[in-house]
Amino acid sequence: EGGLQCGKGYKGNVNDGNANKAEVSCGGGVVTDVVFASYGEPTGTVCGGYKESAMCHHPESLNVAKKACLGLKSCSIDLSVFDVNVLPSTCSPHFKYTVQCSNVPVTRVDVEIPIG
């Protein structure tokens, strides 16, 4: 699928199979850009409308996501790389991302079948 793809991840929730990672998938396309990434307390609920928290945002968020995902159909962003000591102690961090995916290439085949 082309267009924007969004998602989230949480660090340290051992009861969740997605603990410490955020999974990104572009279907048959590839990640062409990481539009938004924030480990902290990003706001917003609509894909494409996420915003960084002024008080709780890890400064390496975008770099980590780009390094993990650019040019790939799917990737897993390892949330364990984020040092929580960089964030205020009052922060309850999680991760949100928005990536731009390329369109899936369409192959057209014209075939003539003789009848008779």
PDB file of N, CA and C in Angstrom:
ATOM      1  N   GLU A   1       0.830  -1.182   0.000  1.00  0.00           N
ATOM      2  CA  GLU A   1       0.000   0.000   0.000  1.00  0.00           C
ATOM      3  C   GLU A   1       0.875   1.246   0.000  1.00  0.00           C
ATOM      4  N   GLY A   2       0.529   2.201  -0.785  1.00  0.00           N
ATOM      5  CA  GLY A   2       1.244   3.467  -0.753  1.00  0.00           C
ATOM      6  C   GLY A   2       0.605   4.403   0.255  1.00  0.00           C
ATOM      7  N   GLY A   3       1.195   5.565   0.412  1.00  0.00           N
ATOM      8  CA  GLY A   3       0.630   6.558   1.317  1.00  0.00           C
ATOM      9  C   GLY A   3       1.210   6.467   2.704  1.00  0.00           C
ATOM     10  N   LEU A   4       0.530   7.102   3.655  1.00  0.00           N
ATOM     11  CA  LEU A   4       0.994   7.131   5.034  1.00  0.00           C
ATOM     12  C   LEU A   4       0.571   5.872   5.784  1.00  0.00           C
ATOM     13  N   GLN A   5       1.481   5.363   6.593  1.00  0.00           N
ATOM     14  CA  GLN A   5       1.195   4.255   7.495  1.00  0.00           C
ATOM     15  C   GLN A   5       1.609   4.707   8.887  1.00  0.00           C
ATOM     16  N   CYS A   6       0.804   4.428   9.892  1.00  0.00           N
ATOM     17  CA  CYS A   6       1.084   4.872  11.252  1.00  0.00           C
ATOM     18  C   CYS A   6       0.963   3.708  12.220  1.00  0.00           C
ATOM     19  N   GLY A   7       1.578   3.891  13.387  1.00  0.00           N
ATOM     20  CA  GLY A   7       1.467   2.872  14.413  1.00  0.00           C
ATOM     21  C   GLY A   7       2.105   3.334  15.700  1.00  0.00           C
ATOM     22  N   LYS A   8       2.156   2.391  16.662  1.00  0.00           N
ATOM     23  CA  LYS A   8       2.717   2.728  17.959  1.00  0.00           C
ATOM     24  C   LYS A   8       3.361   1.493  18.575  1.00  0.00           C
ATOM     25  N   GLY A   9       4.101   1.718  19.639  1.00  0.00           N
ATOM     26  CA  GLY A   9       4.739   0.637  20.360  1.00  0.00           C
ATOM     27  C   GLY A   9       4.988   1.061  21.790  1.00  0.00           C
ATOM     28  N   TYR A  10       5.186   0.080  22.654  1.00  0.00           N
ATOM     29  CA  TYR A  10       5.404   0.343  24.074  1.00  0.00           C
ATOM     30  C   TYR A  10       6.662  -0.385  24.534  1.00  0.00           C
ATOM     31  N   LYS A  11       7.349   0.192  25.480  1.00  0.00           N
ATOM     32  CA  LYS A  11       8.578  -0.389  25.993  1.00  0.00           C
ATOM     33  C   LYS A  11       8.311  -1.087  27.317  1.00  0.00           C
ATOM     34  N   GLY A  12       8.780  -2.332  27.432  1.00  0.00           N
ATOM     35  CA  GLY A  12       8.787  -3.003  28.720  1.00  0.00           C
ATOM     36  C   GLY A  12       7.530  -3.728  29.134  1.00  0.00           C
ATOM     37  N   ASN A  13       6.509  -3.797  28.290  1.00  0.00           N
ATOM     38  CA  ASN A  13       5.296  -4.519  28.656  1.00  0.00           C
ATOM     39  C   ASN A  13       5.488  -5.991  28.277  1.00  0.00           C
ATOM     40  N   VAL A  14       5.994  -6.780  29.215  1.00  0.00           N
ATOM     41  CA  VAL A  14       6.348  -8.166  28.912  1.00  0.00           C
ATOM     42  C   VAL A  14       5.138  -9.055  28.633  1.00  0.00           C
ATOM     43  N   ASN A  15       3.939  -8.612  28.981  1.00  0.00           N
ATOM     44  CA  ASN A  15       2.737  -9.393  28.708  1.00  0.00           C
ATOM     45  C   ASN A  15       2.248  -9.218  27.276  1.00  0.00           C
ATOM     46  N   ASP A  16       2.862  -8.318  26.570  1.00  0.00           N
ATOM     47  CA  ASP A  16       2.463  -8.005  25.202  1.00  0.00           C
ATOM     48  C   ASP A  16       3.516  -8.559  24.247  1.00  0.00           C
ATOM     49  N   GLY A  17       3.106  -9.271  23.226  1.00  0.00           N
ATOM     50  CA  GLY A  17       4.044  -9.818  22.253  1.00  0.00           C
ATOM     51  C   GLY A  17       4.816  -8.747  21.508  1.00  0.00           C
ATOM     52  N   ASN A  18       4.325  -7.509  21.543  1.00  0.00           N
ATOM     53  CA  ASN A  18       5.008  -6.411  20.850  1.00  0.00           C
ATOM     54  C   ASN A  18       5.858  -5.572  21.789  1.00  0.00           C
ATOM     55  N   ALA A  19       6.178  -6.101  22.964  1.00  0.00           N
ATOM     56  CA  ALA A  19       6.967  -5.334  23.927  1.00  0.00           C
ATOM     57  C   ALA A  19       8.308  -4.939  23.333  1.00  0.00           C
ATOM     58  N   ASN A  20       8.696  -3.705  23.581  1.00  0.00           N
ATOM     59  CA  ASN A  20      10.003  -3.166  23.184  1.00  0.00           C
ATOM     60  C   ASN A  20      10.206  -3.012  21.689  1.00  0.00           C
ATOM     61  N   LYS A  21       9.123  -2.993  20.916  1.00  0.00           N
ATOM     62  CA  LYS A  21       9.292  -2.771  19.486  1.00  0.00           C
ATOM     63  C   LYS A  21       8.039  -2.150  18.881  1.00  0.00           C
ATOM     64  N   ALA A  22       8.253  -1.506  17.755  1.00  0.00           N
ATOM     65  CA  ALA A  22       7.140  -0.985  16.967  1.00  0.00           C
ATOM     66  C   ALA A  22       7.293  -1.577  15.573  1.00  0.00           C
ATOM     67  N   GLU A  23       6.269  -2.252  15.105  1.00  0.00           N
ATOM     68  CA  GLU A  23       6.308  -2.915  13.802  1.00  0.00           C
ATOM     69  C   GLU A  23       5.777  -1.972  12.719  1.00  0.00           C
ATOM     70  N   VAL A  24       6.507  -1.891  11.615  1.00  0.00           N
ATOM     71  CA  VAL A  24       6.137  -1.033  10.491  1.00  0.00           C
ATOM     72  C   VAL A  24       6.016  -1.909   9.249  1.00  0.00           C
ATOM     73  N   SER A  25       4.964  -1.707   8.466  1.00  0.00           N
ATOM     74  CA  SER A  25       4.805  -2.471   7.233  1.00  0.00           C
ATOM     75  C   SER A  25       4.225  -1.591   6.132  1.00  0.00           C
ATOM     76  N   CYS A  26       4.803  -1.702   4.954  1.00  0.00           N
ATOM     77  CA  CYS A  26       4.320  -0.952   3.788  1.00  0.00           C
ATOM     78  C   CYS A  26       3.696  -1.868   2.750  1.00  0.00           C
ATOM     79  N   GLY A  27       3.299  -3.064   3.120  1.00  0.00           N
ATOM     80  CA  GLY A  27       2.719  -3.974   2.138  1.00  0.00           C
ATOM     81  C   GLY A  27       3.760  -4.288   1.070  1.00  0.00           C
ATOM     82  N   GLY A  28       3.419  -4.094  -0.194  1.00  0.00           N
ATOM     83  CA  GLY A  28       4.358  -4.355  -1.281  1.00  0.00           C
ATOM     84  C   GLY A  28       5.281  -3.192  -1.592  1.00  0.00           C
ATOM     85  N   GLY A  29       5.003  -2.010  -1.013  1.00  0.00           N
ATOM     86  CA  GLY A  29       5.859  -0.851  -1.231  1.00  0.00           C
ATOM     87  C   GLY A  29       6.994  -0.826  -0.219  1.00  0.00           C
ATOM     88  N   VAL A  30       7.768   0.251  -0.216  1.00  0.00           N
ATOM     89  CA  VAL A  30       8.857   0.404   0.746  1.00  0.00           C
ATOM     90  C   VAL A  30       8.727   1.737   1.476  1.00  0.00           C
ATOM     91  N   VAL A  31       9.366   1.830   2.641  1.00  0.00           N
ATOM     92  CA  VAL A  31       9.383   3.079   3.406  1.00  0.00           C
ATOM     93  C   VAL A  31      10.295   4.066   2.679  1.00  0.00           C
ATOM     94  N   THR A  32       9.709   5.155   2.197  1.00  0.00           N
ATOM     95  CA  THR A  32      10.495   6.169   1.489  1.00  0.00           C
ATOM     96  C   THR A  32      10.860   7.349   2.387  1.00  0.00           C
ATOM     97  N   ASP A  33      10.128   7.508   3.503  1.00  0.00           N
ATOM     98  CA  ASP A  33      10.427   8.597   4.432  1.00  0.00           C
ATOM     99  C   ASP A  33       9.793   8.281   5.786  1.00  0.00           C
ATOM    100  N   VAL A  34      10.454   8.721   6.842  1.00  0.00           N
ATOM    101  CA  VAL A  34       9.847   8.685   8.168  1.00  0.00           C
ATOM    102  C   VAL A  34       9.397  10.113   8.454  1.00  0.00           C
ATOM    103  N   VAL A  35       8.108  10.325   8.381  1.00  0.00           N
ATOM    104  CA  VAL A  35       7.518  11.653   8.506  1.00  0.00           C
ATOM    105  C   VAL A  35       7.502  12.106   9.967  1.00  0.00           C
ATOM    106  N   PHE A  36       7.244  11.152  10.867  1.00  0.00           N
ATOM    107  CA  PHE A  36       7.154  11.467  12.296  1.00  0.00           C
ATOM    108  C   PHE A  36       7.580  10.252  13.104  1.00  0.00           C
ATOM    109  N   ALA A  37       8.324  10.500  14.162  1.00  0.00           N
ATOM    110  CA  ALA A  37       8.659   9.449  15.124  1.00  0.00           C
ATOM    111  C   ALA A  37       8.914  10.120  16.467  1.00  0.00           C
ATOM    112  N   SER A  38       8.303   9.595  17.509  1.00  0.00           N
ATOM    113  CA  SER A  38       8.524  10.151  18.836  1.00  0.00           C
ATOM    114  C   SER A  38       8.405   9.074  19.892  1.00  0.00           C
ATOM    115  N   TYR A  39       9.490   8.924  20.659  1.00  0.00           N
ATOM    116  CA  TYR A  39       9.450   8.107  21.858  1.00  0.00           C
ATOM    117  C   TYR A  39       9.332   9.084  23.011  1.00  0.00           C
ATOM    118  N   GLY A  40       8.247   9.023  23.717  1.00  0.00           N
ATOM    119  CA  GLY A  40       7.947   9.975  24.786  1.00  0.00           C
ATOM    120  C   GLY A  40       6.462   9.942  25.045  1.00  0.00           C
ATOM    121  N   GLU A  41       5.829  11.093  24.955  1.00  0.00           N
ATOM    122  CA  GLU A  41       4.379  11.167  25.112  1.00  0.00           C
ATOM    123  C   GLU A  41       3.768  11.921  23.928  1.00  0.00           C
ATOM    124  N   PRO A  42       3.934  11.368  22.708  1.00  0.00           N
ATOM    125  CA  PRO A  42       3.365  12.054  21.544  1.00  0.00           C
ATOM    126  C   PRO A  42       1.845  12.130  21.655  1.00  0.00           C
ATOM    127  N   THR A  43       1.292  13.177  21.102  1.00  0.00           N
ATOM    128  CA  THR A  43      -0.153  13.385  21.143  1.00  0.00           C
ATOM    129  C   THR A  43      -0.744  13.138  19.765  1.00  0.00           C
ATOM    130  N   GLY A  44      -2.046  13.064  19.705  1.00  0.00           N
ATOM    131  CA  GLY A  44      -2.754  12.869  18.446  1.00  0.00           C
ATOM    132  C   GLY A  44      -3.220  11.440  18.283  1.00  0.00           C
ATOM    133  N   THR A  45      -4.360  11.287  17.635  1.00  0.00           N
ATOM    134  CA  THR A  45      -4.924   9.961  17.406  1.00  0.00           C
ATOM    135  C   THR A  45      -5.124   9.656  15.932  1.00  0.00           C
ATOM    136  N   VAL A  46      -5.001  10.668  15.086  1.00  0.00           N
ATOM    137  CA  VAL A  46      -5.245  10.496  13.657  1.00  0.00           C
ATOM    138  C   VAL A  46      -3.911  10.349  12.927  1.00  0.00           C
ATOM    139  N   CYS A  47      -3.812   9.349  12.072  1.00  0.00           N
ATOM    140  CA  CYS A  47      -2.598   9.128  11.279  1.00  0.00           C
ATOM    141  C   CYS A  47      -2.273  10.382  10.481  1.00  0.00           C
ATOM    142  N   GLY A  48      -1.048  10.847  10.634  1.00  0.00           N
ATOM    143  CA  GLY A  48      -0.628  12.079   9.981  1.00  0.00           C
ATOM    144  C   GLY A  48      -0.796  13.294  10.878  1.00  0.00           C
ATOM    145  N   GLY A  49      -1.422  13.118  12.052  1.00  0.00           N
ATOM    146  CA  GLY A  49      -1.666  14.236  12.953  1.00  0.00           C
ATOM    147  C   GLY A  49      -0.949  14.117  14.287  1.00  0.00           C
ATOM    148  N   TYR A  50       0.025  13.198  14.379  1.00  0.00           N
ATOM    149  CA  TYR A  50       0.771  13.066  15.633  1.00  0.00           C
ATOM    150  C   TYR A  50       1.674  14.272  15.854  1.00  0.00           C
ATOM    151  N   LYS A  51       1.890  14.618  17.126  1.00  0.00           N
ATOM    152  CA  LYS A  51       2.751  15.746  17.488  1.00  0.00           C
ATOM    153  C   LYS A  51       3.636  15.347  18.665  1.00  0.00           C
ATOM    154  N   GLU A  52       4.850  15.917  18.698  1.00  0.00           N
ATOM    155  CA  GLU A  52       5.767  15.688  19.816  1.00  0.00           C
ATOM    156  C   GLU A  52       5.247  16.397  21.064  1.00  0.00           C
ATOM    157  N   SER A  53       5.545  15.825  22.208  1.00  0.00           N
ATOM    158  CA  SER A  53       5.276  16.483  23.476  1.00  0.00           C
ATOM    159  C   SER A  53       6.423  17.450  23.757  1.00  0.00           C
ATOM    160  N   ALA A  54       6.104  18.639  24.184  1.00  0.00           N
ATOM    161  CA  ALA A  54       7.148  19.624  24.491  1.00  0.00           C
ATOM    162  C   ALA A  54       7.986  19.181  25.685  1.00  0.00           C
ATOM    163  N   MET A  55       7.395  18.438  26.603  1.00  0.00           N
ATOM    164  CA  MET A  55       8.090  18.050  27.831  1.00  0.00           C
ATOM    165  C   MET A  55       8.666  16.634  27.796  1.00  0.00           C
ATOM    166  N   CYS A  56       8.139  15.771  26.926  1.00  0.00           N
ATOM    167  CA  CYS A  56       8.542  14.359  26.950  1.00  0.00           C
ATOM    168  C   CYS A  56       8.721  13.824  25.531  1.00  0.00           C
ATOM    169  N   HIS A  57       9.905  14.012  24.974  1.00  0.00           N
ATOM    170  CA  HIS A  57      10.228  13.541  23.627  1.00  0.00           C
ATOM    171  C   HIS A  57      11.708  13.194  23.588  1.00  0.00           C
ATOM    172  N   HIS A  58      12.026  11.967  23.184  1.00  0.00           N
ATOM    173  CA  HIS A  58      13.431  11.563  23.073  1.00  0.00           C
ATOM    174  C   HIS A  58      14.003  12.139  21.780  1.00  0.00           C
ATOM    175  N   PRO A  59      15.130  12.874  21.855  1.00  0.00           N
ATOM    176  CA  PRO A  59      15.668  13.566  20.683  1.00  0.00           C
ATOM    177  C   PRO A  59      16.169  12.641  19.563  1.00  0.00           C
ATOM    178  N   GLU A  60      16.418  11.378  19.850  1.00  0.00           N
ATOM    179  CA  GLU A  60      16.913  10.458  18.820  1.00  0.00           C
ATOM    180  C   GLU A  60      15.801   9.682  18.111  1.00  0.00           C
ATOM    181  N   SER A  61      14.564   9.977  18.421  1.00  0.00           N
ATOM    182  CA  SER A  61      13.430   9.212  17.887  1.00  0.00           C
ATOM    183  C   SER A  61      13.448   9.084  16.370  1.00  0.00           C
ATOM    184  N   LEU A  62      13.553  10.193  15.682  1.00  0.00           N
ATOM    185  CA  LEU A  62      13.502  10.187  14.223  1.00  0.00           C
ATOM    186  C   LEU A  62      14.692   9.442  13.628  1.00  0.00           C
ATOM    187  N   ASN A  63      15.886   9.666  14.157  1.00  0.00           N
ATOM    188  CA  ASN A  63      17.082   8.987  13.657  1.00  0.00           C
ATOM    189  C   ASN A  63      16.988   7.475  13.806  1.00  0.00           C
ATOM    190  N   VAL A  64      16.496   7.012  14.947  1.00  0.00           N
ATOM    191  CA  VAL A  64      16.358   5.572  15.190  1.00  0.00           C
ATOM    192  C   VAL A  64      15.391   4.957  14.181  1.00  0.00           C
ATOM    193  N   ALA A  65      14.257   5.613  13.960  1.00  0.00           N
ATOM    194  CA  ALA A  65      13.253   5.091  13.029  1.00  0.00           C
ATOM    195  C   ALA A  65      13.772   5.082  11.594  1.00  0.00           C
ATOM    196  N   LYS A  66      14.455   6.144  11.177  1.00  0.00           N
ATOM    197  CA  LYS A  66      14.996   6.194   9.814  1.00  0.00           C
ATOM    198  C   LYS A  66      16.038   5.111   9.599  1.00  0.00           C
ATOM    199  N   LYS A  67      16.916   4.933  10.564  1.00  0.00           N
ATOM    200  CA  LYS A  67      17.976   3.931  10.448  1.00  0.00           C
ATOM    201  C   LYS A  67      17.381   2.521  10.337  1.00  0.00           C
ATOM    202  N   ALA A  68      16.304   2.267  11.044  1.00  0.00           N
ATOM    203  CA  ALA A  68      15.692   0.939  11.061  1.00  0.00           C
ATOM    204  C   ALA A  68      14.832   0.643   9.835  1.00  0.00           C
ATOM    205  N   CYS A  69      14.267   1.691   9.202  1.00  0.00           N
ATOM    206  CA  CYS A  69      13.187   1.435   8.244  1.00  0.00           C
ATOM    207  C   CYS A  69      13.362   1.931   6.807  1.00  0.00           C
ATOM    208  N   LEU A  70      14.143   2.966   6.572  1.00  0.00           N
ATOM    209  CA  LEU A  70      14.193   3.531   5.222  1.00  0.00           C
ATOM    210  C   LEU A  70      14.600   2.481   4.180  1.00  0.00           C
ATOM    211  N   GLY A  71      13.811   2.416   3.103  1.00  0.00           N
ATOM    212  CA  GLY A  71      14.097   1.519   1.997  1.00  0.00           C
ATOM    213  C   GLY A  71      13.590   0.098   2.173  1.00  0.00           C
ATOM    214  N   LEU A  72      12.943  -0.199   3.301  1.00  0.00           N
ATOM    215  CA  LEU A  72      12.475  -1.560   3.568  1.00  0.00           C
ATOM    216  C   LEU A  72      10.959  -1.675   3.442  1.00  0.00           C
ATOM    217  N   LYS A  73      10.474  -2.882   3.100  1.00  0.00           N
ATOM    218  CA  LYS A  73       9.036  -3.131   3.037  1.00  0.00           C
ATOM    219  C   LYS A  73       8.431  -3.189   4.431  1.00  0.00           C
ATOM    220  N   SER A  74       9.191  -3.727   5.366  1.00  0.00           N
ATOM    221  CA  SER A  74       8.746  -3.800   6.754  1.00  0.00           C
ATOM    222  C   SER A  74       9.972  -3.745   7.654  1.00  0.00           C
ATOM    223  N   CYS A  75       9.767  -3.328   8.882  1.00  0.00           N
ATOM    224  CA  CYS A  75      10.879  -3.229   9.820  1.00  0.00           C
ATOM    225  C   CYS A  75      10.329  -3.251  11.242  1.00  0.00           C
ATOM    226  N   SER A  76      11.224  -3.464  12.170  1.00  0.00           N
ATOM    227  CA  SER A  76      10.885  -3.451  13.579  1.00  0.00           C
ATOM    228  C   SER A  76      11.785  -2.426  14.250  1.00  0.00           C
ATOM    229  N   ILE A  77      11.178  -1.428  14.873  1.00  0.00           N
ATOM    230  CA  ILE A  77      11.948  -0.392  15.566  1.00  0.00           C
ATOM    231  C   ILE A  77      12.148  -0.856  17.007  1.00  0.00           C
ATOM    232  N   ASP A  78      13.409  -1.037  17.384  1.00  0.00           N
ATOM    233  CA  ASP A  78      13.765  -1.528  18.710  1.00  0.00           C
ATOM    234  C   ASP A  78      13.676  -0.389  19.718  1.00  0.00           C
ATOM    235  N   LEU A  79      12.679  -0.457  20.600  1.00  0.00           N
ATOM    236  CA  LEU A  79      12.464   0.614  21.572  1.00  0.00           C
ATOM    237  C   LEU A  79      13.409   0.521  22.767  1.00  0.00           C
ATOM    238  N   SER A  80      14.102  -0.600  22.911  1.00  0.00           N
ATOM    239  CA  SER A  80      15.020  -0.749  24.044  1.00  0.00           C
ATOM    240  C   SER A  80      16.256   0.134  23.893  1.00  0.00           C
ATOM    241  N   VAL A  81      16.493   0.686  22.688  1.00  0.00           N
ATOM    242  CA  VAL A  81      17.656   1.561  22.488  1.00  0.00           C
ATOM    243  C   VAL A  81      17.462   2.941  23.120  1.00  0.00           C
ATOM    244  N   PHE A  82      16.233   3.291  23.447  1.00  0.00           N
ATOM    245  CA  PHE A  82      15.970   4.613  24.021  1.00  0.00           C
ATOM    246  C   PHE A  82      16.294   4.639  25.513  1.00  0.00           C
ATOM    247  N   ASP A  83      17.168   5.522  25.894  1.00  0.00           N
ATOM    248  CA  ASP A  83      17.551   5.698  27.297  1.00  0.00           C
ATOM    249  C   ASP A  83      16.487   6.549  27.982  1.00  0.00           C
ATOM    250  N   VAL A  84      15.720   5.935  28.875  1.00  0.00           N
ATOM    251  CA  VAL A  84      14.638   6.668  29.542  1.00  0.00           C
ATOM    252  C   VAL A  84      15.170   7.742  30.481  1.00  0.00           C
ATOM    253  N   ASN A  85      16.441   7.687  30.848  1.00  0.00           N
ATOM    254  CA  ASN A  85      17.018   8.707  31.726  1.00  0.00           C
ATOM    255  C   ASN A  85      17.111  10.074  31.048  1.00  0.00           C
ATOM    256  N   VAL A  86      16.970  10.091  29.718  1.00  0.00           N
ATOM    257  CA  VAL A  86      16.965  11.353  28.967  1.00  0.00           C
ATOM    258  C   VAL A  86      15.645  12.090  29.178  1.00  0.00           C
ATOM    259  N   LEU A  87      14.611  11.342  29.538  1.00  0.00           N
ATOM    260  CA  LEU A  87      13.266  11.902  29.687  1.00  0.00           C
ATOM    261  C   LEU A  87      12.983  12.260  31.147  1.00  0.00           C
ATOM    262  N   PRO A  88      12.082  13.196  31.377  1.00  0.00           N
ATOM    263  CA  PRO A  88      11.706  13.538  32.761  1.00  0.00           C
ATOM    264  C   PRO A  88      11.116  12.320  33.470  1.00  0.00           C
ATOM    265  N   SER A  89      11.322  12.235  34.771  1.00  0.00           N
ATOM    266  CA  SER A  89      10.835  11.082  35.543  1.00  0.00           C
ATOM    267  C   SER A  89       9.311  10.987  35.540  1.00  0.00           C
ATOM    268  N   THR A  90       8.635  12.078  35.271  1.00  0.00           N
ATOM    269  CA  THR A  90       7.171  12.076  35.232  1.00  0.00           C
ATOM    270  C   THR A  90       6.620  11.557  33.911  1.00  0.00           C
ATOM    271  N   CYS A  91       7.492  11.318  32.958  1.00  0.00           N
ATOM    272  CA  CYS A  91       7.093  10.876  31.620  1.00  0.00           C
ATOM    273  C   CYS A  91       6.720   9.389  31.638  1.00  0.00           C
ATOM    274  N   SER A  92       5.645   9.042  30.967  1.00  0.00           N
ATOM    275  CA  SER A  92       5.233   7.654  30.787  1.00  0.00           C
ATOM    276  C   SER A  92       5.343   7.337  29.295  1.00  0.00           C
ATOM    277  N   PRO A  93       6.562   7.002  28.834  1.00  0.00           N
ATOM    278  CA  PRO A  93       6.824   6.980  27.394  1.00  0.00           C
ATOM    279  C   PRO A  93       6.210   5.819  26.615  1.00  0.00           C
ATOM    280  N   HIS A  94       5.867   6.133  25.387  1.00  0.00           N
ATOM    281  CA  HIS A  94       5.480   5.168  24.368  1.00  0.00           C
ATOM    282  C   HIS A  94       5.964   5.738  23.037  1.00  0.00           C
ATOM    283  N   PHE A  95       5.768   5.020  21.959  1.00  0.00           N
ATOM    284  CA  PHE A  95       6.318   5.407  20.663  1.00  0.00           C
ATOM    285  C   PHE A  95       5.201   5.472  19.632  1.00  0.00           C
ATOM    286  N   LYS A  96       5.210   6.529  18.835  1.00  0.00           N
ATOM    287  CA  LYS A  96       4.302   6.636  17.692  1.00  0.00           C
ATOM    288  C   LYS A  96       5.114   7.022  16.470  1.00  0.00           C
ATOM    289  N   TYR A  97       4.679   6.529  15.312  1.00  0.00           N
ATOM    290  CA  TYR A  97       5.387   6.845  14.073  1.00  0.00           C
ATOM    291  C   TYR A  97       4.408   7.064  12.917  1.00  0.00           C
ATOM    292  N   THR A  98       4.876   7.794  11.931  1.00  0.00           N
ATOM    293  CA  THR A  98       4.193   7.933  10.648  1.00  0.00           C
ATOM    294  C   THR A  98       5.261   7.787   9.578  1.00  0.00           C
ATOM    295  N   VAL A  99       5.063   6.846   8.659  1.00  0.00           N
ATOM    296  CA  VAL A  99       6.005   6.657   7.554  1.00  0.00           C
ATOM    297  C   VAL A  99       5.283   6.858   6.225  1.00  0.00           C
ATOM    298  N   GLN A 100       6.049   7.266   5.239  1.00  0.00           N
ATOM    299  CA  GLN A 100       5.540   7.387   3.874  1.00  0.00           C
ATOM    300  C   GLN A 100       5.960   6.132   3.126  1.00  0.00           C
ATOM    301  N   CYS A 101       4.992   5.447   2.527  1.00  0.00           N
ATOM    302  CA  CYS A 101       5.273   4.236   1.768  1.00  0.00           C
ATOM    303  C   CYS A 101       5.130   4.511   0.270  1.00  0.00           C
ATOM    304  N   SER A 102       5.994   3.854  -0.502  1.00  0.00           N
ATOM    305  CA  SER A 102       5.873   3.965  -1.954  1.00  0.00           C
ATOM    306  C   SER A 102       4.663   3.156  -2.406  1.00  0.00           C
ATOM    307  N   ASN A 103       4.178   3.469  -3.583  1.00  0.00           N
ATOM    308  CA  ASN A 103       3.087   2.695  -4.145  1.00  0.00           C
ATOM    309  C   ASN A 103       3.620   1.349  -4.607  1.00  0.00           C
ATOM    310  N   VAL A 104       2.769   0.346  -4.550  1.00  0.00           N
ATOM    311  CA  VAL A 104       3.142  -0.974  -5.029  1.00  0.00           C
ATOM    312  C   VAL A 104       3.163  -0.917  -6.555  1.00  0.00           C
ATOM    313  N   PRO A 105       4.289  -1.328  -7.169  1.00  0.00           N
ATOM    314  CA  PRO A 105       4.328  -1.312  -8.629  1.00  0.00           C
ATOM    315  C   PRO A 105       3.280  -2.259  -9.206  1.00  0.00           C
ATOM    316  N   VAL A 106       2.639  -1.826 -10.277  1.00  0.00           N
ATOM    317  CA  VAL A 106       1.618  -2.639 -10.938  1.00  0.00           C
ATOM    318  C   VAL A 106       2.197  -3.154 -12.240  1.00  0.00           C
ATOM    319  N   THR A 107       2.102  -4.454 -12.440  1.00  0.00           N
ATOM    320  CA  THR A 107       2.585  -5.062 -13.679  1.00  0.00           C
ATOM    321  C   THR A 107       1.385  -5.389 -14.545  1.00  0.00           C
ATOM    322  N   ARG A 108       1.445  -4.944 -15.779  1.00  0.00           N
ATOM    323  CA  ARG A 108       0.355  -5.231 -16.706  1.00  0.00           C
ATOM    324  C   ARG A 108       0.872  -6.192 -17.760  1.00  0.00           C
ATOM    325  N   VAL A 109       0.093  -7.220 -18.026  1.00  0.00           N
ATOM    326  CA  VAL A 109       0.467  -8.205 -19.033  1.00  0.00           C
ATOM    327  C   VAL A 109      -0.699  -8.330 -20.018  1.00  0.00           C
ATOM    328  N   ASP A 110      -0.387  -8.121 -21.303  1.00  0.00           N
ATOM    329  CA  ASP A 110      -1.385  -8.329 -22.341  1.00  0.00           C
ATOM    330  C   ASP A 110      -1.136  -9.708 -22.975  1.00  0.00           C
ATOM    331  N   VAL A 111      -2.177 -10.512 -23.038  1.00  0.00           N
ATOM    332  CA  VAL A 111      -2.040 -11.867 -23.556  1.00  0.00           C
ATOM    333  C   VAL A 111      -3.104 -12.079 -24.612  1.00  0.00           C
ATOM    334  N   GLU A 112      -2.696 -12.674 -25.738  1.00  0.00           N
ATOM    335  CA  GLU A 112      -3.648 -13.049 -26.780  1.00  0.00           C
ATOM    336  C   GLU A 112      -3.741 -14.560 -26.793  1.00  0.00           C
ATOM    337  N   ILE A 113      -4.970 -15.064 -26.696  1.00  0.00           N
ATOM    338  CA  ILE A 113      -5.188 -16.509 -26.718  1.00  0.00           C
ATOM    339  C   ILE A 113      -5.955 -16.832 -27.995  1.00  0.00           C
ATOM    340  N   PRO A 114      -5.314 -17.595 -28.884  1.00  0.00           N
ATOM    341  CA  PRO A 114      -6.015 -17.967 -30.127  1.00  0.00           C
ATOM    342  C   PRO A 114      -7.169 -18.927 -29.816  1.00  0.00           C
ATOM    343  N   ILE A 115      -8.279 -18.704 -30.495  1.00  0.00           N
ATOM    344  CA  ILE A 115      -9.444 -19.554 -30.297  1.00  0.00           C
ATOM    345  C   ILE A 115      -9.646 -20.377 -31.548  1.00  0.00           C
ATOM    346  N   GLY A 116      -9.763 -21.675 -31.389  1.00  0.00           N
ATOM    347  CA  GLY A 116     -10.067 -22.541 -32.507  1.00  0.00           C
ATOM    348  C   GLY A 116      -8.896 -23.234 -32.973  1.00  0.00           C
TER     349      GLY A 116
END
